[in-house]
Amino acid sequence: MSTKNPRIMVVLEPNLYDWIKEEAKNLRISISLFVRDMIKKQAAKEQIDELEDEVLGEMALKRFKSFNPKGALTHAQIKKKLGF
């Protein structure tokens, strides 16, 4: 059976291969589909992490620009306020 999709050959340690084989079997899908789905999930997770970093960076920059040191509390004042 030919396919238009590129293929990748990977060499795995026996215990990792056995785990992947068992997981694919439990899901009733091929090893190839299982590995492809894991790669896609990892790529999506990395994209989400990058977006999160970008958004949090923008928030931090906004807070930094609006920071007024004259109105800031000292460490001791915060401890007292929190009851420590």
PDB file of N, CA and C in Angstrom:
ATOM      1  N   MET A   1       0.843  -1.171   0.000  1.00  0.00           N
ATOM      2  CA  MET A   1       0.000   0.000   0.000  1.00  0.00           C
ATOM      3  C   MET A   1       0.891   1.238   0.000  1.00  0.00           C
ATOM      4  N   SER A   2       0.701   2.115  -0.981  1.00  0.00           N
ATOM      5  CA  SER A   2       1.522   3.323  -1.019  1.00  0.00           C
ATOM      6  C   SER A   2       0.750   4.484  -0.405  1.00  0.00           C
ATOM      7  N   THR A   3       1.502   5.472   0.023  1.00  0.00           N
ATOM      8  CA  THR A   3       0.891   6.624   0.661  1.00  0.00           C
ATOM      9  C   THR A   3       1.613   7.881   0.224  1.00  0.00           C
ATOM     10  N   LYS A   4       0.936   9.007   0.275  1.00  0.00           N
ATOM     11  CA  LYS A   4       1.558  10.287  -0.060  1.00  0.00           C
ATOM     12  C   LYS A   4       2.293  10.865   1.143  1.00  0.00           C
ATOM     13  N   ASN A   5       1.980  10.377   2.320  1.00  0.00           N
ATOM     14  CA  ASN A   5       2.591  10.916   3.537  1.00  0.00           C
ATOM     15  C   ASN A   5       4.012  10.400   3.709  1.00  0.00           C
ATOM     16  N   PRO A   6       4.924  11.292   4.118  1.00  0.00           N
ATOM     17  CA  PRO A   6       6.298  10.842   4.365  1.00  0.00           C
ATOM     18  C   PRO A   6       6.358   9.888   5.553  1.00  0.00           C
ATOM     19  N   ARG A   7       7.391   9.095   5.579  1.00  0.00           N
ATOM     20  CA  ARG A   7       7.569   8.120   6.649  1.00  0.00           C
ATOM     21  C   ARG A   7       8.875   8.383   7.371  1.00  0.00           C
ATOM     22  N   ILE A   8       8.907   7.984   8.621  1.00  0.00           N
ATOM     23  CA  ILE A   8      10.106   8.127   9.442  1.00  0.00           C
ATOM     24  C   ILE A   8      10.400   6.779  10.077  1.00  0.00           C
ATOM     25  N   MET A   9      11.668   6.398  10.076  1.00  0.00           N
ATOM     26  CA  MET A   9      12.066   5.173  10.757  1.00  0.00           C
ATOM     27  C   MET A   9      12.755   5.570  12.060  1.00  0.00           C
ATOM     28  N   VAL A  10      12.358   4.942  13.145  1.00  0.00           N
ATOM     29  CA  VAL A  10      12.911   5.262  14.456  1.00  0.00           C
ATOM     30  C   VAL A  10      13.362   3.974  15.128  1.00  0.00           C
ATOM     31  N   VAL A  11      14.497   4.034  15.789  1.00  0.00           N
ATOM     32  CA  VAL A  11      15.004   2.893  16.546  1.00  0.00           C
ATOM     33  C   VAL A  11      14.716   3.157  18.024  1.00  0.00           C
ATOM     34  N   LEU A  12      14.048   2.206  18.684  1.00  0.00           N
ATOM     35  CA  LEU A  12      13.650   2.360  20.087  1.00  0.00           C
ATOM     36  C   LEU A  12      14.274   1.269  20.951  1.00  0.00           C
ATOM     37  N   GLU A  13      14.403   1.586  22.225  1.00  0.00           N
ATOM     38  CA  GLU A  13      14.810   0.556  23.181  1.00  0.00           C
ATOM     39  C   GLU A  13      13.660  -0.438  23.309  1.00  0.00           C
ATOM     40  N   PRO A  14      13.964  -1.699  23.592  1.00  0.00           N
ATOM     41  CA  PRO A  14      12.912  -2.716  23.663  1.00  0.00           C
ATOM     42  C   PRO A  14      11.786  -2.384  24.641  1.00  0.00           C
ATOM     43  N   ASN A  15      12.116  -1.848  25.808  1.00  0.00           N
ATOM     44  CA  ASN A  15      11.047  -1.570  26.779  1.00  0.00           C
ATOM     45  C   ASN A  15      10.123  -0.447  26.298  1.00  0.00           C
ATOM     46  N   LEU A  16      10.661   0.556  25.607  1.00  0.00           N
ATOM     47  CA  LEU A  16       9.827   1.627  25.069  1.00  0.00           C
ATOM     48  C   LEU A  16       8.954   1.096  23.937  1.00  0.00           C
ATOM     49  N   TYR A  17       9.535   0.283  23.080  1.00  0.00           N
ATOM     50  CA  TYR A  17       8.761  -0.319  21.998  1.00  0.00           C
ATOM     51  C   TYR A  17       7.619  -1.173  22.558  1.00  0.00           C
ATOM     52  N   ASP A  18       7.913  -1.973  23.573  1.00  0.00           N
ATOM     53  CA  ASP A  18       6.885  -2.825  24.180  1.00  0.00           C
ATOM     54  C   ASP A  18       5.748  -1.991  24.759  1.00  0.00           C
ATOM     55  N   TRP A  19       6.107  -0.865  25.403  1.00  0.00           N
ATOM     56  CA  TRP A  19       5.076   0.002  25.979  1.00  0.00           C
ATOM     57  C   TRP A  19       4.194   0.598  24.886  1.00  0.00           C
ATOM     58  N   ILE A  20       4.821   1.102  23.824  1.00  0.00           N
ATOM     59  CA  ILE A  20       4.068   1.694  22.715  1.00  0.00           C
ATOM     60  C   ILE A  20       3.169   0.643  22.064  1.00  0.00           C
ATOM     61  N   LYS A  21       3.714  -0.534  21.863  1.00  0.00           N
ATOM     62  CA  LYS A  21       2.947  -1.626  21.250  1.00  0.00           C
ATOM     63  C   LYS A  21       1.723  -1.976  22.100  1.00  0.00           C
ATOM     64  N   GLU A  22       1.917  -2.053  23.406  1.00  0.00           N
ATOM     65  CA  GLU A  22       0.813  -2.387  24.319  1.00  0.00           C
ATOM     66  C   GLU A  22      -0.249  -1.288  24.337  1.00  0.00           C
ATOM     67  N   GLU A  23       0.202  -0.030  24.390  1.00  0.00           N
ATOM     68  CA  GLU A  23      -0.757   1.086  24.387  1.00  0.00           C
ATOM     69  C   GLU A  23      -1.572   1.111  23.095  1.00  0.00           C
ATOM     70  N   ALA A  24      -0.921   0.919  21.967  1.00  0.00           N
ATOM     71  CA  ALA A  24      -1.618   0.892  20.681  1.00  0.00           C
ATOM     72  C   ALA A  24      -2.617  -0.255  20.638  1.00  0.00           C
ATOM     73  N   LYS A  25      -2.203  -1.395  21.164  1.00  0.00           N
ATOM     74  CA  LYS A  25      -3.089  -2.564  21.200  1.00  0.00           C
ATOM     75  C   LYS A  25      -4.316  -2.267  22.058  1.00  0.00           C
ATOM     76  N   ASN A  26      -4.116  -1.645  23.217  1.00  0.00           N
ATOM     77  CA  ASN A  26      -5.230  -1.305  24.105  1.00  0.00           C
ATOM     78  C   ASN A  26      -6.210  -0.338  23.443  1.00  0.00           C
ATOM     79  N   LEU A  27      -5.675   0.563  22.627  1.00  0.00           N
ATOM     80  CA  LEU A  27      -6.520   1.531  21.921  1.00  0.00           C
ATOM     81  C   LEU A  27      -7.066   0.984  20.606  1.00  0.00           C
ATOM     82  N   ARG A  28      -6.595  -0.199  20.245  1.00  0.00           N
ATOM     83  CA  ARG A  28      -7.006  -0.866  19.012  1.00  0.00           C
ATOM     84  C   ARG A  28      -6.673  -0.040  17.777  1.00  0.00           C
ATOM     85  N   ILE A  29      -5.461   0.515  17.786  1.00  0.00           N
ATOM     86  CA  ILE A  29      -4.961   1.244  16.632  1.00  0.00           C
ATOM     87  C   ILE A  29      -3.553   0.735  16.324  1.00  0.00           C
ATOM     88  N   SER A  30      -3.061   1.110  15.166  1.00  0.00           N
ATOM     89  CA  SER A  30      -1.718   0.668  14.792  1.00  0.00           C
ATOM     90  C   SER A  30      -0.671   1.419  15.619  1.00  0.00           C
ATOM     91  N   ILE A  31       0.509   0.836  15.686  1.00  0.00           N
ATOM     92  CA  ILE A  31       1.630   1.490  16.366  1.00  0.00           C
ATOM     93  C   ILE A  31       1.926   2.819  15.678  1.00  0.00           C
ATOM     94  N   SER A  32       1.868   2.837  14.369  1.00  0.00           N
ATOM     95  CA  SER A  32       2.144   4.047  13.610  1.00  0.00           C
ATOM     96  C   SER A  32       1.174   5.169  13.986  1.00  0.00           C
ATOM     97  N   LEU A  33      -0.111   4.858  14.049  1.00  0.00           N
ATOM     98  CA  LEU A  33      -1.103   5.875  14.425  1.00  0.00           C
ATOM     99  C   LEU A  33      -0.893   6.348  15.863  1.00  0.00           C
ATOM    100  N   PHE A  34      -0.560   5.427  16.741  1.00  0.00           N
ATOM    101  CA  PHE A  34      -0.328   5.791  18.143  1.00  0.00           C
ATOM    102  C   PHE A  34       0.837   6.770  18.253  1.00  0.00           C
ATOM    103  N   VAL A  35       1.952   6.460  17.595  1.00  0.00           N
ATOM    104  CA  VAL A  35       3.131   7.325  17.658  1.00  0.00           C
ATOM    105  C   VAL A  35       2.830   8.668  16.998  1.00  0.00           C
ATOM    106  N   ARG A  36       2.139   8.656  15.861  1.00  0.00           N
ATOM    107  CA  ARG A  36       1.772   9.911  15.192  1.00  0.00           C
ATOM    108  C   ARG A  36       0.942  10.791  16.117  1.00  0.00           C
ATOM    109  N   ASP A  37      -0.052  10.197  16.783  1.00  0.00           N
ATOM    110  CA  ASP A  37      -0.910  10.963  17.686  1.00  0.00           C
ATOM    111  C   ASP A  37      -0.119  11.529  18.870  1.00  0.00           C
ATOM    112  N   MET A  38       0.829  10.767  19.385  1.00  0.00           N
ATOM    113  CA  MET A  38       1.657  11.257  20.487  1.00  0.00           C
ATOM    114  C   MET A  38       2.503  12.442  20.036  1.00  0.00           C
ATOM    115  N   ILE A  39       3.048  12.372  18.833  1.00  0.00           N
ATOM    116  CA  ILE A  39       3.861  13.468  18.300  1.00  0.00           C
ATOM    117  C   ILE A  39       2.991  14.712  18.102  1.00  0.00           C
ATOM    118  N   LYS A  40       1.787  14.522  17.565  1.00  0.00           N
ATOM    119  CA  LYS A  40       0.883  15.651  17.361  1.00  0.00           C
ATOM    120  C   LYS A  40       0.510  16.313  18.695  1.00  0.00           C
ATOM    121  N   LYS A  41       0.231  15.489  19.708  1.00  0.00           N
ATOM    122  CA  LYS A  41      -0.121  16.035  21.021  1.00  0.00           C
ATOM    123  C   LYS A  41       1.044  16.818  21.612  1.00  0.00           C
ATOM    124  N   GLN A  42       2.259  16.305  21.447  1.00  0.00           N
ATOM    125  CA  GLN A  42       3.441  16.997  21.979  1.00  0.00           C
ATOM    126  C   GLN A  42       3.648  18.317  21.249  1.00  0.00           C
ATOM    127  N   ALA A  43       3.457  18.314  19.933  1.00  0.00           N
ATOM    128  CA  ALA A  43       3.617  19.547  19.161  1.00  0.00           C
ATOM    129  C   ALA A  43       2.581  20.577  19.578  1.00  0.00           C
ATOM    130  N   ALA A  44       1.337  20.137  19.798  1.00  0.00           N
ATOM    131  CA  ALA A  44       0.281  21.049  20.240  1.00  0.00           C
ATOM    132  C   ALA A  44       0.603  21.599  21.620  1.00  0.00           C
ATOM    133  N   LYS A  45       1.111  20.750  22.511  1.00  0.00           N
ATOM    134  CA  LYS A  45       1.461  21.190  23.862  1.00  0.00           C
ATOM    135  C   LYS A  45       2.550  22.253  23.802  1.00  0.00           C
ATOM    136  N   GLU A  46       3.541  22.049  22.945  1.00  0.00           N
ATOM    137  CA  GLU A  46       4.624  23.026  22.816  1.00  0.00           C
ATOM    138  C   GLU A  46       4.105  24.354  22.275  1.00  0.00           C
ATOM    139  N   GLN A  47       3.143  24.296  21.337  1.00  0.00           N
ATOM    140  CA  GLN A  47       2.561  25.531  20.812  1.00  0.00           C
ATOM    141  C   GLN A  47       1.799  26.268  21.907  1.00  0.00           C
ATOM    142  N   ILE A  48       1.071  25.531  22.720  1.00  0.00           N
ATOM    143  CA  ILE A  48       0.329  26.139  23.827  1.00  0.00           C
ATOM    144  C   ILE A  48       1.298  26.758  24.827  1.00  0.00           C
ATOM    145  N   ASP A  49       2.383  26.049  25.135  1.00  0.00           N
ATOM    146  CA  ASP A  49       3.386  26.573  26.068  1.00  0.00           C
ATOM    147  C   ASP A  49       4.008  27.863  25.535  1.00  0.00           C
ATOM    148  N   GLU A  50       4.303  27.908  24.238  1.00  0.00           N
ATOM    149  CA  GLU A  50       4.881  29.115  23.645  1.00  0.00           C
ATOM    150  C   GLU A  50       3.899  30.278  23.701  1.00  0.00           C
ATOM    151  N   LEU A  51       2.623  30.008  23.409  1.00  0.00           N
ATOM    152  CA  LEU A  51       1.601  31.044  23.470  1.00  0.00           C
ATOM    153  C   LEU A  51       1.441  31.547  24.896  1.00  0.00           C
ATOM    154  N   GLU A  52       1.442  30.620  25.848  1.00  0.00           N
ATOM    155  CA  GLU A  52       1.327  30.997  27.253  1.00  0.00           C
ATOM    156  C   GLU A  52       2.503  31.887  27.669  1.00  0.00           C
ATOM    157  N   ASP A  53       3.714  31.529  27.264  1.00  0.00           N
ATOM    158  CA  ASP A  53       4.891  32.342  27.574  1.00  0.00           C
ATOM    159  C   ASP A  53       4.752  33.749  26.998  1.00  0.00           C
ATOM    160  N   GLU A  54       4.259  33.826  25.772  1.00  0.00           N
ATOM    161  CA  GLU A  54       4.088  35.122  25.117  1.00  0.00           C
ATOM    162  C   GLU A  54       3.070  35.981  25.859  1.00  0.00           C
ATOM    163  N   VAL A  55       1.926  35.401  26.194  1.00  0.00           N
ATOM    164  CA  VAL A  55       0.873  36.140  26.894  1.00  0.00           C
ATOM    165  C   VAL A  55       1.337  36.570  28.279  1.00  0.00           C
ATOM    166  N   LEU A  56       1.976  35.658  29.016  1.00  0.00           N
ATOM    167  CA  LEU A  56       2.461  36.012  30.355  1.00  0.00           C
ATOM    168  C   LEU A  56       3.557  37.070  30.285  1.00  0.00           C
ATOM    169  N   GLY A  57       4.393  37.030  29.249  1.00  0.00           N
ATOM    170  CA  GLY A  57       5.416  38.053  29.057  1.00  0.00           C
ATOM    171  C   GLY A  57       4.803  39.416  28.819  1.00  0.00           C
ATOM    172  N   GLU A  58       3.762  39.452  27.995  1.00  0.00           N
ATOM    173  CA  GLU A  58       3.063  40.713  27.738  1.00  0.00           C
ATOM    174  C   GLU A  58       2.416  41.249  29.012  1.00  0.00           C
ATOM    175  N   MET A  59       1.822  40.353  29.809  1.00  0.00           N
ATOM    176  CA  MET A  59       1.209  40.776  31.070  1.00  0.00           C
ATOM    177  C   MET A  59       2.268  41.330  32.033  1.00  0.00           C
ATOM    178  N   ALA A  60       3.408  40.665  32.103  1.00  0.00           N
ATOM    179  CA  ALA A  60       4.476  41.105  32.996  1.00  0.00           C
ATOM    180  C   ALA A  60       5.003  42.470  32.564  1.00  0.00           C
ATOM    181  N   LEU A  61       5.158  42.672  31.264  1.00  0.00           N
ATOM    182  CA  LEU A  61       5.639  43.952  30.763  1.00  0.00           C
ATOM    183  C   LEU A  61       4.647  45.067  31.087  1.00  0.00           C
ATOM    184  N   LYS A  62       3.372  44.780  30.920  1.00  0.00           N
ATOM    185  CA  LYS A  62       2.331  45.765  31.231  1.00  0.00           C
ATOM    186  C   LYS A  62       2.363  46.127  32.716  1.00  0.00           C
ATOM    187  N   ARG A  63       2.497  45.111  33.570  1.00  0.00           N
ATOM    188  CA  ARG A  63       2.563  45.365  35.009  1.00  0.00           C
ATOM    189  C   ARG A  63       3.828  46.142  35.369  1.00  0.00           C
ATOM    190  N   PHE A  64       4.939  45.807  34.732  1.00  0.00           N
ATOM    191  CA  PHE A  64       6.202  46.491  35.001  1.00  0.00           C
ATOM    192  C   PHE A  64       6.105  47.977  34.642  1.00  0.00           C
ATOM    193  N   LYS A  65       5.478  48.261  33.492  1.00  0.00           N
ATOM    194  CA  LYS A  65       5.347  49.653  33.044  1.00  0.00           C
ATOM    195  C   LYS A  65       4.453  50.466  33.970  1.00  0.00           C
ATOM    196  N   SER A  66       3.480  49.815  34.586  1.00  0.00           N
ATOM    197  CA  SER A  66       2.549  50.540  35.460  1.00  0.00           C
ATOM    198  C   SER A  66       2.982  50.508  36.928  1.00  0.00           C
ATOM    199  N   PHE A  67       4.102  49.880  37.236  1.00  0.00           N
ATOM    200  CA  PHE A  67       4.559  49.751  38.616  1.00  0.00           C
ATOM    201  C   PHE A  67       4.988  51.108  39.174  1.00  0.00           C
ATOM    202  N   ASN A  68       4.503  51.398  40.372  1.00  0.00           N
ATOM    203  CA  ASN A  68       4.873  52.641  41.055  1.00  0.00           C
ATOM    204  C   ASN A  68       5.586  52.263  42.348  1.00  0.00           C
ATOM    205  N   PRO A  69       6.905  52.432  42.406  1.00  0.00           N
ATOM    206  CA  PRO A  69       7.645  52.023  43.597  1.00  0.00           C
ATOM    207  C   PRO A  69       7.231  52.780  44.864  1.00  0.00           C
ATOM    208  N   LYS A  70       6.682  53.994  44.706  1.00  0.00           N
ATOM    209  CA  LYS A  70       6.275  54.776  45.884  1.00  0.00           C
ATOM    210  C   LYS A  70       5.088  54.130  46.598  1.00  0.00           C
ATOM    211  N   GLY A  71       4.248  53.421  45.859  1.00  0.00           N
ATOM    212  CA  GLY A  71       3.085  52.781  46.463  1.00  0.00           C
ATOM    213  C   GLY A  71       3.318  51.330  46.853  1.00  0.00           C
ATOM    214  N   ALA A  72       4.526  50.833  46.602  1.00  0.00           N
ATOM    215  CA  ALA A  72       4.821  49.425  46.869  1.00  0.00           C
ATOM    216  C   ALA A  72       5.025  49.187  48.360  1.00  0.00           C
ATOM    217  N   LEU A  73       4.636  48.002  48.817  1.00  0.00           N
ATOM    218  CA  LEU A  73       4.839  47.610  50.209  1.00  0.00           C
ATOM    219  C   LEU A  73       6.182  46.912  50.356  1.00  0.00           C
ATOM    220  N   THR A  74       6.773  47.050  51.510  1.00  0.00           N
ATOM    221  CA  THR A  74       8.016  46.344  51.795  1.00  0.00           C
ATOM    222  C   THR A  74       7.698  44.907  52.167  1.00  0.00           C
ATOM    223  N   HIS A  75       8.725  44.095  52.201  1.00  0.00           N
ATOM    224  CA  HIS A  75       8.568  42.697  52.593  1.00  0.00           C
ATOM    225  C   HIS A  75       7.978  42.616  54.011  1.00  0.00           C
ATOM    226  N   ALA A  76       8.494  43.411  54.906  1.00  0.00           N
ATOM    227  CA  ALA A  76       8.023  43.421  56.301  1.00  0.00           C
ATOM    228  C   ALA A  76       6.549  43.833  56.371  1.00  0.00           C
ATOM    229  N   GLN A  77       6.143  44.814  55.557  1.00  0.00           N
ATOM    230  CA  GLN A  77       4.744  45.257  55.569  1.00  0.00           C
ATOM    231  C   GLN A  77       3.817  44.139  55.071  1.00  0.00           C
ATOM    232  N   ILE A  78       4.254  43.419  54.080  1.00  0.00           N
ATOM    233  CA  ILE A  78       3.423  42.331  53.552  1.00  0.00           C
ATOM    234  C   ILE A  78       3.302  41.214  54.575  1.00  0.00           C
ATOM    235  N   LYS A  79       4.422  40.863  55.212  1.00  0.00           N
ATOM    236  CA  LYS A  79       4.393  39.828  56.254  1.00  0.00           C
ATOM    237  C   LYS A  79       3.416  40.215  57.362  1.00  0.00           C
ATOM    238  N   LYS A  80       3.454  41.477  57.772  1.00  0.00           N
ATOM    239  CA  LYS A  80       2.574  41.956  58.843  1.00  0.00           C
ATOM    240  C   LYS A  80       1.117  41.896  58.378  1.00  0.00           C
ATOM    241  N   LYS A  81       0.884  42.321  57.162  1.00  0.00           N
ATOM    242  CA  LYS A  81      -0.479  42.329  56.595  1.00  0.00           C
ATOM    243  C   LYS A  81      -1.054  40.905  56.510  1.00  0.00           C
ATOM    244  N   LEU A  82      -0.188  39.944  56.196  1.00  0.00           N
ATOM    245  CA  LEU A  82      -0.633  38.545  56.086  1.00  0.00           C
ATOM    246  C   LEU A  82      -0.615  37.814  57.422  1.00  0.00           C
ATOM    247  N   GLY A  83      -0.110  38.462  58.450  1.00  0.00           N
ATOM    248  CA  GLY A  83      -0.120  37.856  59.772  1.00  0.00           C
ATOM    249  C   GLY A  83       1.024  36.904  60.048  1.00  0.00           C
ATOM    250  N   PHE A  84       2.148  37.100  59.410  1.00  0.00           N
ATOM    251  CA  PHE A  84       3.310  36.240  59.649  1.00  0.00           C
ATOM    252  C   PHE A  84       4.233  36.859  60.655  1.00  0.00           C
TER     253      PHE A  84
END
